[in-house]
């Protein structure tokens, strides 16, 4: 009878030791996961805290590019008008005063 109680106690102790080891490994895994999540959160916060500045900087650059584009578009229109005017003057000049060929 005493041997049966000792064997049962040993089995219960082994079961408790097994469960304690599983729980300890589980807590280690949870701690590692927690550290990774904290690191991910820090990195995400680092990026997102600076995001508004980068967005503002990008918007300023886009605005400047848009202004330059409109300015160049106006200059292109003026250039096209000048070319059209020169073309008109050349056509008018050639009709009005035809070139005389030299006799050499």
Protein backbone atom coordinates (compact mmCIF):
# COMPACT_ATOMS: atom_id res chain seq x y z
CA UNK A 1 0.00 0.00 0.00
CA UNK A 2 2.80 2.41 0.86
CA UNK A 3 4.53 1.65 -2.42
CA UNK A 4 1.32 2.46 -4.32
CA UNK A 5 1.03 5.84 -2.60
CA UNK A 6 4.68 6.64 -3.32
CA UNK A 7 4.29 5.66 -7.00
CA UNK A 8 1.13 7.79 -7.29
CA UNK A 9 2.95 10.72 -5.63
CA UNK A 10 5.88 10.29 -8.03
CA UNK A 11 3.48 10.23 -11.00
CA UNK A 12 1.67 13.34 -9.72
CA UNK A 13 5.04 15.05 -9.17
CA UNK A 14 6.17 14.17 -12.71
CA UNK A 15 2.89 15.48 -14.12
CA UNK A 16 3.24 18.71 -12.13
CA UNK A 17 6.87 19.07 -13.24
CA UNK A 18 5.84 18.52 -16.88
CA UNK A 19 3.06 21.12 -16.59
CA UNK A 20 5.39 23.59 -14.83
CA UNK A 21 7.96 23.19 -17.63
CA UNK A 22 5.28 23.70 -20.31
CA UNK A 23 3.98 26.80 -18.51
CA UNK A 24 7.52 28.17 -18.12
CA UNK A 25 8.25 27.64 -21.86
CA UNK A 26 4.93 29.28 -22.70
CA UNK A 27 5.79 32.34 -20.58
CA UNK A 28 9.21 32.56 -22.27
CA UNK A 29 7.51 32.48 -25.67
CA UNK A 30 5.00 35.15 -24.55
CA UNK A 31 7.85 37.37 -23.30
CA UNK A 32 9.67 37.05 -26.63
CA UNK A 33 6.48 37.89 -28.47
CA UNK A 34 5.94 40.88 -26.20
CA UNK A 35 9.45 42.17 -26.91
CA UNK A 36 8.91 41.81 -30.66
CA UNK A 37 5.58 43.59 -30.47
CA UNK A 38 7.11 46.43 -28.45
CA UNK A 39 9.92 46.76 -31.00
CA UNK A 40 7.41 46.77 -33.86
CA UNK A 41 5.34 49.40 -32.07
CA UNK A 42 8.41 51.60 -31.51
CA UNK A 43 9.43 51.33 -35.14
CA UNK A 44 5.89 52.06 -36.30
CA UNK A 45 5.65 55.06 -33.99
CA UNK A 46 9.05 56.29 -35.22
CA UNK A 47 7.84 56.17 -38.82
CA UNK A 48 4.37 57.55 -38.20
CA UNK A 49 5.57 60.44 -36.03
CA UNK A 50 7.63 61.73 -38.94
CA UNK A 51 5.03 60.96 -41.61
CA UNK A 52 3.20 64.33 -41.39
CA UNK A 53 6.47 66.18 -41.96
CA UNK A 54 7.27 64.06 -45.02
CA UNK A 55 3.74 64.48 -46.34
CA UNK A 56 3.94 68.26 -45.91
CA UNK A 57 7.34 68.30 -47.59
CA UNK A 58 6.00 66.26 -50.49
CA UNK A 59 2.97 68.52 -50.85
CA UNK A 60 5.20 71.59 -50.91
CA UNK A 61 7.32 69.98 -53.62
CA UNK A 62 4.21 69.09 -55.61
CA UNK A 63 2.88 72.63 -55.29
CA UNK A 64 6.19 74.04 -56.49
CA UNK A 65 6.28 71.64 -59.43
CA UNK A 66 2.72 72.58 -60.32
CA UNK A 67 3.59 76.29 -60.24
CA UNK A 68 6.66 75.69 -62.40
CA UNK A 69 4.56 73.65 -64.81
CA UNK A 70 1.97 76.43 -65.17
CA UNK A 71 4.71 79.01 -65.60
CA UNK A 72 6.40 76.91 -68.29
CA UNK A 73 3.05 76.32 -69.93
CA UNK A 74 2.52 80.09 -70.16
CA UNK A 75 6.01 80.58 -71.55
CA UNK A 76 5.38 77.83 -74.11
CA UNK A 77 2.19 79.57 -75.20
CA UNK A 78 4.06 82.86 -75.58
CA UNK A 79 6.80 81.09 -77.57
CA UNK A 80 4.22 79.49 -79.86
CA UNK A 81 2.63 82.90 -80.42
CA UNK A 82 6.03 84.42 -81.21
CA UNK A 83 6.85 81.62 -83.65
CA UNK A 84 3.45 82.02 -85.31
CA UNK A 85 4.05 85.78 -85.60
CA UNK A 86 7.52 85.28 -87.11
CA UNK A 87 6.12 82.69 -89.51
CA UNK A 88 3.37 85.10 -90.53
CA UNK A 89 5.87 87.93 -91.08
CA UNK A 90 8.14 85.67 -93.16
CA UNK A 91 5.23 84.54 -95.35
CA UNK A 92 4.00 88.11 -95.71
CA UNK A 93 7.50 89.38 -96.51
CA UNK A 94 8.12 86.69 -99.13
CA UNK A 95 4.82 87.44 -100.89
CA UNK A 96 5.19 91.17 -100.73
CA UNK A 97 8.83 91.42 -101.80
CA UNK A 98 9.97 88.39 -103.75
CA UNK A 99 13.70 87.75 -103.70
CA UNK A 100 15.65 88.91 -106.68
CA UNK A 101 18.18 86.57 -108.05
CA UNK A 102 21.64 87.83 -108.54
CA UNK A 103 23.08 87.61 -112.05
CA UNK A 104 26.51 86.35 -111.12
